[in-house]
Amino acid sequence: MLHTEGDSRKVKQAYRILKDEVVARATVIITTVYVAKSESYAKFGSMRQSLFYFLDEAPTVAEASALIPLACAEWSPKVVMMLLFGDVKQLRPFVYGNYFNPCFSQLELSLHKRLVDIGYIEHVFRE
């Protein structure tokens, strides 16, 4: 059976309603840094008194990308802790771009690596 354009719109609308309801009731949200800025996740932040931000594989995420959830107006004043996980001696962010750009090396630096380099506390769980 073929679905019409109207059926597709109804399914998308039902999905959005369901997602918003699930996010509203959640106590924990696991998402990517890019989706964290979306409207329904922003609502999640606005309904909480405090937020903990965990970023897994942080050394592989470009610095600007790691800051996306903190740029969300509903989240940023409520973030009380940010934990970055990963090994800064392994992979770094992969950046497509102009290798002749004088700032290119800065784009390849993760927030995690920058914080380690300037002396923020780093805990090693296993060597």
PDB file of N, CA and C in Angstrom:
ATOM      1  N   MET A   1       0.843  -1.177   0.000  1.00  0.00           N
ATOM      2  CA  MET A   1       0.000   0.000   0.000  1.00  0.00           C
ATOM      3  C   MET A   1       0.886   1.237   0.000  1.00  0.00           C
ATOM      4  N   LEU A   2       0.620   2.157  -0.875  1.00  0.00           N
ATOM      5  CA  LEU A   2       1.383   3.389  -0.963  1.00  0.00           C
ATOM      6  C   LEU A   2       0.835   4.424   0.013  1.00  0.00           C
ATOM      7  N   HIS A   3       1.756   5.189   0.598  1.00  0.00           N
ATOM      8  CA  HIS A   3       1.349   6.236   1.532  1.00  0.00           C
ATOM      9  C   HIS A   3       1.284   7.573   0.802  1.00  0.00           C
ATOM     10  N   THR A   4       0.322   8.360   1.181  1.00  0.00           N
ATOM     11  CA  THR A   4       0.176   9.673   0.559  1.00  0.00           C
ATOM     12  C   THR A   4       1.029  10.704   1.304  1.00  0.00           C
ATOM     13  N   GLU A   5       1.142  11.870   0.713  1.00  0.00           N
ATOM     14  CA  GLU A   5       1.874  12.978   1.353  1.00  0.00           C
ATOM     15  C   GLU A   5       1.212  13.336   2.681  1.00  0.00           C
ATOM     16  N   GLY A   6      -0.102  13.286   2.723  1.00  0.00           N
ATOM     17  CA  GLY A   6      -0.847  13.579   3.958  1.00  0.00           C
ATOM     18  C   GLY A   6      -0.518  12.583   5.054  1.00  0.00           C
ATOM     19  N   ASP A   7      -0.389  11.295   4.682  1.00  0.00           N
ATOM     20  CA  ASP A   7      -0.017  10.270   5.660  1.00  0.00           C
ATOM     21  C   ASP A   7       1.366  10.547   6.232  1.00  0.00           C
ATOM     22  N   SER A   8       2.271  10.936   5.367  1.00  0.00           N
ATOM     23  CA  SER A   8       3.630  11.231   5.790  1.00  0.00           C
ATOM     24  C   SER A   8       3.652  12.397   6.779  1.00  0.00           C
ATOM     25  N   ARG A   9       2.876  13.440   6.502  1.00  0.00           N
ATOM     26  CA  ARG A   9       2.797  14.595   7.411  1.00  0.00           C
ATOM     27  C   ARG A   9       2.220  14.195   8.759  1.00  0.00           C
ATOM     28  N   LYS A  10       1.212  13.339   8.753  1.00  0.00           N
ATOM     29  CA  LYS A  10       0.591  12.892  10.006  1.00  0.00           C
ATOM     30  C   LYS A  10       1.583  12.090  10.850  1.00  0.00           C
ATOM     31  N   VAL A  11       2.340  11.239  10.194  1.00  0.00           N
ATOM     32  CA  VAL A  11       3.341  10.439  10.911  1.00  0.00           C
ATOM     33  C   VAL A  11       4.413  11.351  11.507  1.00  0.00           C
ATOM     34  N   LYS A  12       4.888  12.322  10.743  1.00  0.00           N
ATOM     35  CA  LYS A  12       5.914  13.257  11.246  1.00  0.00           C
ATOM     36  C   LYS A  12       5.376  14.078  12.409  1.00  0.00           C
ATOM     37  N   GLN A  13       4.127  14.517  12.312  1.00  0.00           N
ATOM     38  CA  GLN A  13       3.533  15.293  13.397  1.00  0.00           C
ATOM     39  C   GLN A  13       3.380  14.431  14.653  1.00  0.00           C
ATOM     40  N   ALA A  14       2.927  13.196  14.491  1.00  0.00           N
ATOM     41  CA  ALA A  14       2.780  12.288  15.630  1.00  0.00           C
ATOM     42  C   ALA A  14       4.140  12.011  16.270  1.00  0.00           C
ATOM     43  N   TYR A  15       5.168  11.854  15.451  1.00  0.00           N
ATOM     44  CA  TYR A  15       6.524  11.633  15.963  1.00  0.00           C
ATOM     45  C   TYR A  15       6.992  12.824  16.799  1.00  0.00           C
ATOM     46  N   ARG A  16       6.779  14.036  16.290  1.00  0.00           N
ATOM     47  CA  ARG A  16       7.203  15.240  17.029  1.00  0.00           C
ATOM     48  C   ARG A  16       6.488  15.345  18.374  1.00  0.00           C
ATOM     49  N   ILE A  17       5.204  15.083  18.372  1.00  0.00           N
ATOM     50  CA  ILE A  17       4.421  15.146  19.612  1.00  0.00           C
ATOM     51  C   ILE A  17       4.934  14.109  20.607  1.00  0.00           C
ATOM     52  N   LEU A  18       5.145  12.889  20.134  1.00  0.00           N
ATOM     53  CA  LEU A  18       5.648  11.828  20.995  1.00  0.00           C
ATOM     54  C   LEU A  18       7.035  12.155  21.529  1.00  0.00           C
ATOM     55  N   LYS A  19       7.923  12.642  20.661  1.00  0.00           N
ATOM     56  CA  LYS A  19       9.284  12.992  21.086  1.00  0.00           C
ATOM     57  C   LYS A  19       9.257  14.089  22.142  1.00  0.00           C
ATOM     58  N   ASP A  20       8.464  15.118  21.923  1.00  0.00           N
ATOM     59  CA  ASP A  20       8.370  16.210  22.895  1.00  0.00           C
ATOM     60  C   ASP A  20       7.867  15.718  24.241  1.00  0.00           C
ATOM     61  N   GLU A  21       6.911  14.797  24.217  1.00  0.00           N
ATOM     62  CA  GLU A  21       6.368  14.242  25.463  1.00  0.00           C
ATOM     63  C   GLU A  21       7.419  13.406  26.192  1.00  0.00           C
ATOM     64  N   VAL A  22       8.145  12.579  25.463  1.00  0.00           N
ATOM     65  CA  VAL A  22       9.194  11.747  26.071  1.00  0.00           C
ATOM     66  C   VAL A  22      10.293  12.626  26.662  1.00  0.00           C
ATOM     67  N   VAL A  23      10.724  13.635  25.920  1.00  0.00           N
ATOM     68  CA  VAL A  23      11.775  14.535  26.403  1.00  0.00           C
ATOM     69  C   VAL A  23      11.298  15.294  27.638  1.00  0.00           C
ATOM     70  N   ALA A  24      10.043  15.722  27.654  1.00  0.00           N
ATOM     71  CA  ALA A  24       9.502  16.460  28.796  1.00  0.00           C
ATOM     72  C   ALA A  24       9.506  15.619  30.069  1.00  0.00           C
ATOM     73  N   ARG A  25       9.328  14.323  29.942  1.00  0.00           N
ATOM     74  CA  ARG A  25       9.278  13.441  31.114  1.00  0.00           C
ATOM     75  C   ARG A  25      10.633  12.862  31.503  1.00  0.00           C
ATOM     76  N   ALA A  26      11.619  13.049  30.669  1.00  0.00           N
ATOM     77  CA  ALA A  26      12.923  12.422  30.890  1.00  0.00           C
ATOM     78  C   ALA A  26      13.698  13.087  32.026  1.00  0.00           C
ATOM     79  N   THR A  27      14.532  12.301  32.678  1.00  0.00           N
ATOM     80  CA  THR A  27      15.463  12.850  33.662  1.00  0.00           C
ATOM     81  C   THR A  27      16.879  12.857  33.104  1.00  0.00           C
ATOM     82  N   VAL A  28      17.111  12.073  32.064  1.00  0.00           N
ATOM     83  CA  VAL A  28      18.418  12.011  31.411  1.00  0.00           C
ATOM     84  C   VAL A  28      18.189  12.025  29.901  1.00  0.00           C
ATOM     85  N   ILE A  29      19.002  12.806  29.206  1.00  0.00           N
ATOM     86  CA  ILE A  29      18.948  12.851  27.749  1.00  0.00           C
ATOM     87  C   ILE A  29      20.330  12.497  27.225  1.00  0.00           C
ATOM     88  N   ILE A  30      20.382  11.566  26.295  1.00  0.00           N
ATOM     89  CA  ILE A  30      21.638  11.212  25.634  1.00  0.00           C
ATOM     90  C   ILE A  30      21.465  11.565  24.166  1.00  0.00           C
ATOM     91  N   THR A  31      22.313  12.450  23.695  1.00  0.00           N
ATOM     92  CA  THR A  31      22.176  12.937  22.328  1.00  0.00           C
ATOM     93  C   THR A  31      23.536  13.377  21.809  1.00  0.00           C
ATOM     94  N   THR A  32      23.573  13.808  20.585  1.00  0.00           N
ATOM     95  CA  THR A  32      24.804  14.372  20.034  1.00  0.00           C
ATOM     96  C   THR A  32      24.849  15.863  20.360  1.00  0.00           C
ATOM     97  N   VAL A  33      26.023  16.458  20.255  1.00  0.00           N
ATOM     98  CA  VAL A  33      26.139  17.888  20.531  1.00  0.00           C
ATOM     99  C   VAL A  33      25.317  18.705  19.544  1.00  0.00           C
ATOM    100  N   TYR A  34      25.128  18.205  18.346  1.00  0.00           N
ATOM    101  CA  TYR A  34      24.406  18.941  17.321  1.00  0.00           C
ATOM    102  C   TYR A  34      22.903  18.946  17.569  1.00  0.00           C
ATOM    103  N   VAL A  35      22.353  17.851  18.041  1.00  0.00           N
ATOM    104  CA  VAL A  35      20.916  17.747  18.288  1.00  0.00           C
ATOM    105  C   VAL A  35      20.536  18.446  19.593  1.00  0.00           C
ATOM    106  N   ALA A  36      21.482  18.622  20.497  1.00  0.00           N
ATOM    107  CA  ALA A  36      21.195  19.231  21.797  1.00  0.00           C
ATOM    108  C   ALA A  36      20.591  20.625  21.675  1.00  0.00           C
ATOM    109  N   LYS A  37      20.852  21.302  20.591  1.00  0.00           N
ATOM    110  CA  LYS A  37      20.344  22.667  20.400  1.00  0.00           C
ATOM    111  C   LYS A  37      18.923  22.684  19.826  1.00  0.00           C
ATOM    112  N   SER A  38      18.393  21.525  19.449  1.00  0.00           N
ATOM    113  CA  SER A  38      17.060  21.491  18.841  1.00  0.00           C
ATOM    114  C   SER A  38      15.987  21.928  19.845  1.00  0.00           C
ATOM    115  N   GLU A  39      14.842  22.300  19.333  1.00  0.00           N
ATOM    116  CA  GLU A  39      13.785  22.893  20.150  1.00  0.00           C
ATOM    117  C   GLU A  39      13.334  21.991  21.304  1.00  0.00           C
ATOM    118  N   SER A  40      13.088  20.706  21.050  1.00  0.00           N
ATOM    119  CA  SER A  40      12.581  19.850  22.121  1.00  0.00           C
ATOM    120  C   SER A  40      13.631  19.630  23.212  1.00  0.00           C
ATOM    121  N   TYR A  41      14.909  19.561  22.837  1.00  0.00           N
ATOM    122  CA  TYR A  41      15.950  19.390  23.849  1.00  0.00           C
ATOM    123  C   TYR A  41      16.194  20.685  24.603  1.00  0.00           C
ATOM    124  N   ALA A  42      15.993  21.813  23.950  1.00  0.00           N
ATOM    125  CA  ALA A  42      16.094  23.098  24.642  1.00  0.00           C
ATOM    126  C   ALA A  42      15.019  23.178  25.719  1.00  0.00           C
ATOM    127  N   LYS A  43      13.831  22.664  25.425  1.00  0.00           N
ATOM    128  CA  LYS A  43      12.758  22.623  26.427  1.00  0.00           C
ATOM    129  C   LYS A  43      13.181  21.774  27.623  1.00  0.00           C
ATOM    130  N   PHE A  44      13.869  20.673  27.353  1.00  0.00           N
ATOM    131  CA  PHE A  44      14.371  19.819  28.445  1.00  0.00           C
ATOM    132  C   PHE A  44      15.236  20.651  29.386  1.00  0.00           C
ATOM    133  N   GLY A  45      16.132  21.443  28.831  1.00  0.00           N
ATOM    134  CA  GLY A  45      17.002  22.282  29.645  1.00  0.00           C
ATOM    135  C   GLY A  45      16.246  23.333  30.420  1.00  0.00           C
ATOM    136  N   SER A  46      15.216  23.900  29.811  1.00  0.00           N
ATOM    137  CA  SER A  46      14.473  24.964  30.476  1.00  0.00           C
ATOM    138  C   SER A  46      13.639  24.443  31.647  1.00  0.00           C
ATOM    139  N   MET A  47      13.368  23.140  31.679  1.00  0.00           N
ATOM    140  CA  MET A  47      12.555  22.564  32.754  1.00  0.00           C
ATOM    141  C   MET A  47      13.400  22.055  33.922  1.00  0.00           C
ATOM    142  N   ARG A  48      14.703  22.177  33.857  1.00  0.00           N
ATOM    143  CA  ARG A  48      15.578  21.647  34.895  1.00  0.00           C
ATOM    144  C   ARG A  48      16.244  22.771  35.669  1.00  0.00           C
ATOM    145  N   GLN A  49      16.556  22.498  36.952  1.00  0.00           N
ATOM    146  CA  GLN A  49      17.262  23.489  37.770  1.00  0.00           C
ATOM    147  C   GLN A  49      18.757  23.459  37.507  1.00  0.00           C
ATOM    148  N   SER A  50      19.271  22.268  37.258  1.00  0.00           N
ATOM    149  CA  SER A  50      20.702  22.145  36.972  1.00  0.00           C
ATOM    150  C   SER A  50      20.916  21.020  35.966  1.00  0.00           C
ATOM    151  N   LEU A  51      21.998  21.141  35.211  1.00  0.00           N
ATOM    152  CA  LEU A  51      22.313  20.171  34.170  1.00  0.00           C
ATOM    153  C   LEU A  51      23.766  19.733  34.292  1.00  0.00           C
ATOM    154  N   PHE A  52      24.010  18.471  34.006  1.00  0.00           N
ATOM    155  CA  PHE A  52      25.356  17.931  33.916  1.00  0.00           C
ATOM    156  C   PHE A  52      25.599  17.602  32.450  1.00  0.00           C
ATOM    157  N   TYR A  53      26.714  18.037  31.927  1.00  0.00           N
ATOM    158  CA  TYR A  53      27.045  17.844  30.513  1.00  0.00           C
ATOM    159  C   TYR A  53      28.204  16.871  30.420  1.00  0.00           C
ATOM    160  N   PHE A  54      27.946  15.687  29.872  1.00  0.00           N
ATOM    161  CA  PHE A  54      28.963  14.658  29.671  1.00  0.00           C
ATOM    162  C   PHE A  54      29.241  14.564  28.176  1.00  0.00           C
ATOM    163  N   LEU A  55      30.504  14.609  27.795  1.00  0.00           N
ATOM    164  CA  LEU A  55      30.861  14.513  26.379  1.00  0.00           C
ATOM    165  C   LEU A  55      31.821  13.353  26.201  1.00  0.00           C
ATOM    166  N   ASP A  56      31.315  12.268  25.621  1.00  0.00           N
ATOM    167  CA  ASP A  56      32.143  11.083  25.382  1.00  0.00           C
ATOM    168  C   ASP A  56      32.963  11.285  24.112  1.00  0.00           C
ATOM    169  N   GLU A  57      34.148  10.717  24.084  1.00  0.00           N
ATOM    170  CA  GLU A  57      35.078  10.852  22.957  1.00  0.00           C
ATOM    171  C   GLU A  57      35.329  12.329  22.644  1.00  0.00           C
ATOM    172  N   ALA A  58      35.454  13.122  23.692  1.00  0.00           N
ATOM    173  CA  ALA A  58      35.611  14.574  23.568  1.00  0.00           C
ATOM    174  C   ALA A  58      36.788  15.000  22.686  1.00  0.00           C
ATOM    175  N   PRO A  59      37.928  14.293  22.706  1.00  0.00           N
ATOM    176  CA  PRO A  59      39.032  14.737  21.857  1.00  0.00           C
ATOM    177  C   PRO A  59      38.738  14.666  20.355  1.00  0.00           C
ATOM    178  N   THR A  60      37.707  13.945  19.965  1.00  0.00           N
ATOM    179  CA  THR A  60      37.377  13.839  18.539  1.00  0.00           C
ATOM    180  C   THR A  60      36.369  14.898  18.095  1.00  0.00           C
ATOM    181  N   VAL A  61      35.910  15.725  19.040  1.00  0.00           N
ATOM    182  CA  VAL A  61      34.902  16.741  18.739  1.00  0.00           C
ATOM    183  C   VAL A  61      35.585  18.103  18.669  1.00  0.00           C
ATOM    184  N   ALA A  62      35.387  18.814  17.579  1.00  0.00           N
ATOM    185  CA  ALA A  62      35.985  20.145  17.426  1.00  0.00           C
ATOM    186  C   ALA A  62      35.499  21.055  18.554  1.00  0.00           C
ATOM    187  N   GLU A  63      36.359  21.973  18.943  1.00  0.00           N
ATOM    188  CA  GLU A  63      36.060  22.851  20.077  1.00  0.00           C
ATOM    189  C   GLU A  63      34.727  23.575  19.918  1.00  0.00           C
ATOM    190  N   ALA A  64      34.479  24.162  18.781  1.00  0.00           N
ATOM    191  CA  ALA A  64      33.227  24.892  18.561  1.00  0.00           C
ATOM    192  C   ALA A  64      32.017  23.969  18.690  1.00  0.00           C
ATOM    193  N   SER A  65      32.144  22.744  18.217  1.00  0.00           N
ATOM    194  CA  SER A  65      31.041  21.786  18.306  1.00  0.00           C
ATOM    195  C   SER A  65      30.775  21.392  19.754  1.00  0.00           C
ATOM    196  N   ALA A  66      31.818  21.231  20.542  1.00  0.00           N
ATOM    197  CA  ALA A  66      31.658  20.858  21.949  1.00  0.00           C
ATOM    198  C   ALA A  66      30.920  21.932  22.735  1.00  0.00           C
ATOM    199  N   LEU A  67      30.985  23.158  22.250  1.00  0.00           N
ATOM    200  CA  LEU A  67      30.350  24.272  22.954  1.00  0.00           C
ATOM    201  C   LEU A  67      28.897  24.505  22.549  1.00  0.00           C
ATOM    202  N   ILE A  68      28.393  23.764  21.573  1.00  0.00           N
ATOM    203  CA  ILE A  68      27.018  23.964  21.098  1.00  0.00           C
ATOM    204  C   ILE A  68      25.997  23.856  22.225  1.00  0.00           C
ATOM    205  N   PRO A  69      26.015  22.805  23.053  1.00  0.00           N
ATOM    206  CA  PRO A  69      25.018  22.743  24.133  1.00  0.00           C
ATOM    207  C   PRO A  69      25.137  23.906  25.118  1.00  0.00           C
ATOM    208  N   LEU A  70      26.335  24.421  25.297  1.00  0.00           N
ATOM    209  CA  LEU A  70      26.515  25.540  26.218  1.00  0.00           C
ATOM    210  C   LEU A  70      26.051  26.854  25.608  1.00  0.00           C
ATOM    211  N   ALA A  71      25.905  26.895  24.299  1.00  0.00           N
ATOM    212  CA  ALA A  71      25.429  28.098  23.624  1.00  0.00           C
ATOM    213  C   ALA A  71      23.911  28.196  23.646  1.00  0.00           C
ATOM    214  N   CYS A  72      23.255  27.134  24.017  1.00  0.00           N
ATOM    215  CA  CYS A  72      21.792  27.116  24.095  1.00  0.00           C
ATOM    216  C   CYS A  72      21.356  27.933  25.315  1.00  0.00           C
ATOM    217  N   ALA A  73      20.575  28.980  25.099  1.00  0.00           N
ATOM    218  CA  ALA A  73      20.183  29.899  26.172  1.00  0.00           C
ATOM    219  C   ALA A  73      19.475  29.188  27.323  1.00  0.00           C
ATOM    220  N   GLU A  74      18.727  28.133  27.024  1.00  0.00           N
ATOM    221  CA  GLU A  74      18.002  27.418  28.066  1.00  0.00           C
ATOM    222  C   GLU A  74      18.929  26.523  28.893  1.00  0.00           C
ATOM    223  N   TRP A  75      20.070  26.147  28.341  1.00  0.00           N
ATOM    224  CA  TRP A  75      20.980  25.240  29.029  1.00  0.00           C
ATOM    225  C   TRP A  75      22.104  25.954  29.758  1.00  0.00           C
ATOM    226  N   SER A  76      22.741  26.909  29.098  1.00  0.00           N
ATOM    227  CA  SER A  76      24.012  27.451  29.583  1.00  0.00           C
ATOM    228  C   SER A  76      23.998  27.942  31.022  1.00  0.00           C
ATOM    229  N   PRO A  77      22.970  28.646  31.501  1.00  0.00           N
ATOM    230  CA  PRO A  77      23.044  29.105  32.891  1.00  0.00           C
ATOM    231  C   PRO A  77      22.852  27.976  33.907  1.00  0.00           C
ATOM    232  N   LYS A  78      22.419  26.814  33.437  1.00  0.00           N
ATOM    233  CA  LYS A  78      22.097  25.719  34.354  1.00  0.00           C
ATOM    234  C   LYS A  78      23.139  24.616  34.393  1.00  0.00           C
ATOM    235  N   VAL A  79      24.127  24.668  33.513  1.00  0.00           N
ATOM    236  CA  VAL A  79      25.163  23.631  33.499  1.00  0.00           C
ATOM    237  C   VAL A  79      26.062  23.831  34.714  1.00  0.00           C
ATOM    238  N   VAL A  80      26.048  22.845  35.612  1.00  0.00           N
ATOM    239  CA  VAL A  80      26.854  22.945  36.834  1.00  0.00           C
ATOM    240  C   VAL A  80      28.136  22.116  36.740  1.00  0.00           C
ATOM    241  N   MET A  81      28.183  21.208  35.788  1.00  0.00           N
ATOM    242  CA  MET A  81      29.377  20.378  35.623  1.00  0.00           C
ATOM    243  C   MET A  81      29.478  19.917  34.182  1.00  0.00           C
ATOM    244  N   MET A  82      30.696  19.930  33.692  1.00  0.00           N
ATOM    245  CA  MET A  82      30.965  19.442  32.340  1.00  0.00           C
ATOM    246  C   MET A  82      32.092  18.430  32.452  1.00  0.00           C
ATOM    247  N   LEU A  83      31.823  17.195  32.074  1.00  0.00           N
ATOM    248  CA  LEU A  83      32.838  16.141  32.108  1.00  0.00           C
ATOM    249  C   LEU A  83      33.153  15.711  30.689  1.00  0.00           C
ATOM    250  N   LEU A  84      34.435  15.717  30.362  1.00  0.00           N
ATOM    251  CA  LEU A  84      34.888  15.325  29.037  1.00  0.00           C
ATOM    252  C   LEU A  84      35.621  13.997  29.148  1.00  0.00           C
ATOM    253  N   PHE A  85      35.230  13.038  28.332  1.00  0.00           N
ATOM    254  CA  PHE A  85      35.825  11.707  28.353  1.00  0.00           C
ATOM    255  C   PHE A  85      36.560  11.444  27.051  1.00  0.00           C
ATOM    256  N   GLY A  86      37.694  10.778  27.152  1.00  0.00           N
ATOM    257  CA  GLY A  86      38.444  10.405  25.963  1.00  0.00           C
ATOM    258  C   GLY A  86      39.927  10.553  26.184  1.00  0.00           C
ATOM    259  N   ASP A  87      40.694  10.082  25.229  1.00  0.00           N
ATOM    260  CA  ASP A  87      42.145  10.108  25.310  1.00  0.00           C
ATOM    261  C   ASP A  87      42.682  11.135  24.325  1.00  0.00           C
ATOM    262  N   VAL A  88      43.250  12.228  24.860  1.00  0.00           N
ATOM    263  CA  VAL A  88      43.749  13.297  23.990  1.00  0.00           C
ATOM    264  C   VAL A  88      44.976  12.869  23.195  1.00  0.00           C
ATOM    265  N   LYS A  89      45.553  11.721  23.523  1.00  0.00           N
ATOM    266  CA  LYS A  89      46.733  11.243  22.794  1.00  0.00           C
ATOM    267  C   LYS A  89      46.347  10.367  21.601  1.00  0.00           C
ATOM    268  N   GLN A  90      45.051  10.148  21.426  1.00  0.00           N
ATOM    269  CA  GLN A  90      44.607   9.336  20.290  1.00  0.00           C
ATOM    270  C   GLN A  90      44.061  10.233  19.191  1.00  0.00           C
ATOM    271  N   LEU A  91      42.830  10.030  18.803  1.00  0.00           N
ATOM    272  CA  LEU A  91      42.249  10.775  17.686  1.00  0.00           C
ATOM    273  C   LEU A  91      41.990  12.230  18.027  1.00  0.00           C
ATOM    274  N   ARG A  92      42.120  13.090  17.036  1.00  0.00           N
ATOM    275  CA  ARG A  92      41.765  14.497  17.187  1.00  0.00           C
ATOM    276  C   ARG A  92      40.586  14.766  16.258  1.00  0.00           C
ATOM    277  N   PRO A  93      39.981  15.928  16.341  1.00  0.00           N
ATOM    278  CA  PRO A  93      38.851  16.219  15.442  1.00  0.00           C
ATOM    279  C   PRO A  93      39.274  16.172  13.983  1.00  0.00           C
ATOM    280  N   PHE A  94      38.410  15.615  13.166  1.00  0.00           N
ATOM    281  CA  PHE A  94      38.666  15.620  11.734  1.00  0.00           C
ATOM    282  C   PHE A  94      37.938  16.820  11.153  1.00  0.00           C
ATOM    283  N   VAL A  95      38.684  17.705  10.545  1.00  0.00           N
ATOM    284  CA  VAL A  95      38.115  18.942  10.024  1.00  0.00           C
ATOM    285  C   VAL A  95      38.349  18.998   8.521  1.00  0.00           C
ATOM    286  N   TYR A  96      37.261  19.154   7.783  1.00  0.00           N
ATOM    287  CA  TYR A  96      37.386  19.389   6.349  1.00  0.00           C
ATOM    288  C   TYR A  96      37.667  20.872   6.181  1.00  0.00           C
ATOM    289  N   GLY A  97      38.555  21.209   5.321  1.00  0.00           N
ATOM    290  CA  GLY A  97      38.759  22.629   5.132  1.00  0.00           C
ATOM    291  C   GLY A  97      39.996  22.950   4.336  1.00  0.00           C
ATOM    292  N   ASN A  98      40.300  24.192   4.369  1.00  0.00           N
ATOM    293  CA  ASN A  98      41.417  24.725   3.621  1.00  0.00           C
ATOM    294  C   ASN A  98      42.698  24.596   4.438  1.00  0.00           C
ATOM    295  N   TYR A  99      43.590  23.735   4.013  1.00  0.00           N
ATOM    296  CA  TYR A  99      44.836  23.530   4.743  1.00  0.00           C
ATOM    297  C   TYR A  99      45.754  24.742   4.644  1.00  0.00           C
ATOM    298  N   PHE A 100      45.426  25.673   3.766  1.00  0.00           N
ATOM    299  CA  PHE A 100      46.217  26.887   3.627  1.00  0.00           C
ATOM    300  C   PHE A 100      45.698  28.001   4.529  1.00  0.00           C
ATOM    301  N   ASN A 101      44.615  27.739   5.238  1.00  0.00           N
ATOM    302  CA  ASN A 101      44.064  28.696   6.191  1.00  0.00           C
ATOM    303  C   ASN A 101      45.030  28.802   7.368  1.00  0.00           C
ATOM    304  N   PRO A 102      45.496  29.987   7.732  1.00  0.00           N
ATOM    305  CA  PRO A 102      46.454  30.123   8.824  1.00  0.00           C
ATOM    306  C   PRO A 102      45.894  29.689  10.185  1.00  0.00           C
ATOM    307  N   CYS A 103      44.586  29.600  10.307  1.00  0.00           N
ATOM    308  CA  CYS A 103      43.966  29.194  11.573  1.00  0.00           C
ATOM    309  C   CYS A 103      43.567  27.719  11.580  1.00  0.00           C
ATOM    310  N   PHE A 104      43.920  26.995  10.543  1.00  0.00           N
ATOM    311  CA  PHE A 104      43.469  25.611  10.410  1.00  0.00           C
ATOM    312  C   PHE A 104      43.875  24.746  11.600  1.00  0.00           C
ATOM    313  N   SER A 105      45.085  24.920  12.102  1.00  0.00           N
ATOM    314  CA  SER A 105      45.549  24.093  13.219  1.00  0.00           C
ATOM    315  C   SER A 105      44.684  24.302  14.461  1.00  0.00           C
ATOM    316  N   GLN A 106      44.130  25.500  14.634  1.00  0.00           N
ATOM    317  CA  GLN A 106      43.239  25.764  15.768  1.00  0.00           C
ATOM    318  C   GLN A 106      41.920  25.016  15.623  1.00  0.00           C
ATOM    319  N   LEU A 107      41.475  24.834  14.386  1.00  0.00           N
ATOM    320  CA  LEU A 107      40.227  24.112  14.158  1.00  0.00           C
ATOM    321  C   LEU A 107      40.368  22.635  14.479  1.00  0.00           C
ATOM    322  N   GLU A 108      41.582  22.118  14.392  1.00  0.00           N
ATOM    323  CA  GLU A 108      41.826  20.708  14.681  1.00  0.00           C
ATOM    324  C   GLU A 108      42.037  20.443  16.171  1.00  0.00           C
ATOM    325  N   LEU A 109      41.924  21.468  16.991  1.00  0.00           N
ATOM    326  CA  LEU A 109      42.125  21.324  18.429  1.00  0.00           C
ATOM    327  C   LEU A 109      40.775  21.145  19.112  1.00  0.00           C
ATOM    328  N   SER A 110      40.659  20.122  19.938  1.00  0.00           N
ATOM    329  CA  SER A 110      39.411  19.905  20.660  1.00  0.00           C
ATOM    330  C   SER A 110      39.419  20.726  21.947  1.00  0.00           C
ATOM    331  N   LEU A 111      38.244  20.982  22.478  1.00  0.00           N
ATOM    332  CA  LEU A 111      38.137  21.673  23.759  1.00  0.00           C
ATOM    333  C   LEU A 111      38.860  20.864  24.837  1.00  0.00           C
ATOM    334  N   HIS A 112      38.710  19.556  24.784  1.00  0.00           N
ATOM    335  CA  HIS A 112      39.352  18.666  25.755  1.00  0.00           C
ATOM    336  C   HIS A 112      40.875  18.851  25.731  1.00  0.00           C
ATOM    337  N   LYS A 113      41.467  18.820  24.554  1.00  0.00           N
ATOM    338  CA  LYS A 113      42.918  18.968  24.415  1.00  0.00           C
ATOM    339  C   LYS A 113      43.360  20.354  24.881  1.00  0.00           C
ATOM    340  N   ARG A 114      42.606  21.382  24.531  1.00  0.00           N
ATOM    341  CA  ARG A 114      42.965  22.742  24.949  1.00  0.00           C
ATOM    342  C   ARG A 114      42.973  22.850  26.480  1.00  0.00           C
ATOM    343  N   LEU A 115      41.968  22.284  27.124  1.00  0.00           N
ATOM    344  CA  LEU A 115      41.899  22.347  28.589  1.00  0.00           C
ATOM    345  C   LEU A 115      43.035  21.565  29.242  1.00  0.00           C
ATOM    346  N   VAL A 116      43.372  20.417  28.689  1.00  0.00           N
ATOM    347  CA  VAL A 116      44.497  19.634  29.213  1.00  0.00           C
ATOM    348  C   VAL A 116      45.802  20.419  29.039  1.00  0.00           C
ATOM    349  N   ASP A 117      45.979  21.031  27.892  1.00  0.00           N
ATOM    350  CA  ASP A 117      47.211  21.780  27.607  1.00  0.00           C
ATOM    351  C   ASP A 117      47.412  22.969  28.541  1.00  0.00           C
ATOM    352  N   ILE A 118      46.325  23.587  28.987  1.00  0.00           N
ATOM    353  CA  ILE A 118      46.488  24.749  29.862  1.00  0.00           C
ATOM    354  C   ILE A 118      46.431  24.381  31.344  1.00  0.00           C
ATOM    355  N   GLY A 119      46.358  23.071  31.634  1.00  0.00           N
ATOM    356  CA  GLY A 119      46.530  22.633  33.006  1.00  0.00           C
ATOM    357  C   GLY A 119      45.293  22.269  33.796  1.00  0.00           C
ATOM    358  N   TYR A 120      44.154  22.153  33.139  1.00  0.00           N
ATOM    359  CA  TYR A 120      42.983  21.696  33.890  1.00  0.00           C
ATOM    360  C   TYR A 120      43.196  20.259  34.326  1.00  0.00           C
ATOM    361  N   ILE A 121      42.551  19.897  35.399  1.00  0.00           N
ATOM    362  CA  ILE A 121      42.751  18.580  35.998  1.00  0.00           C
ATOM    363  C   ILE A 121      42.349  17.481  35.021  1.00  0.00           C
ATOM    364  N   GLU A 122      43.238  16.532  34.884  1.00  0.00           N
ATOM    365  CA  GLU A 122      42.986  15.379  34.018  1.00  0.00           C
ATOM    366  C   GLU A 122      43.162  14.123  34.860  1.00  0.00           C
ATOM    367  N   HIS A 123      42.148  13.271  34.841  1.00  0.00           N
ATOM    368  CA  HIS A 123      42.232  12.010  35.570  1.00  0.00           C
ATOM    369  C   HIS A 123      42.376  10.872  34.559  1.00  0.00           C
ATOM    370  N   VAL A 124      43.333  10.021  34.784  1.00  0.00           N
ATOM    371  CA  VAL A 124      43.557   8.887  33.904  1.00  0.00           C
ATOM    372  C   VAL A 124      43.002   7.652  34.609  1.00  0.00           C
ATOM    373  N   PHE A 125      42.041   6.996  33.977  1.00  0.00           N
ATOM    374  CA  PHE A 125      41.430   5.801  34.570  1.00  0.00           C
ATOM    375  C   PHE A 125      42.245   4.559  34.282  1.00  0.00           C
ATOM    376  N   ARG A 126      42.903   4.543  33.115  1.00  0.00           N
ATOM    377  CA  ARG A 126      43.663   3.365  32.726  1.00  0.00           C
ATOM    378  C   ARG A 126      44.720   3.805  31.720  1.00  0.00           C
ATOM    379  N   GLU A 127      45.899   3.302  31.895  1.00  0.00           N
ATOM    380  CA  GLU A 127      46.971   3.666  30.952  1.00  0.00           C
ATOM    381  C   GLU A 127      47.244   2.552  29.984  1.00  0.00           C
TER     382      GLU A 127
END
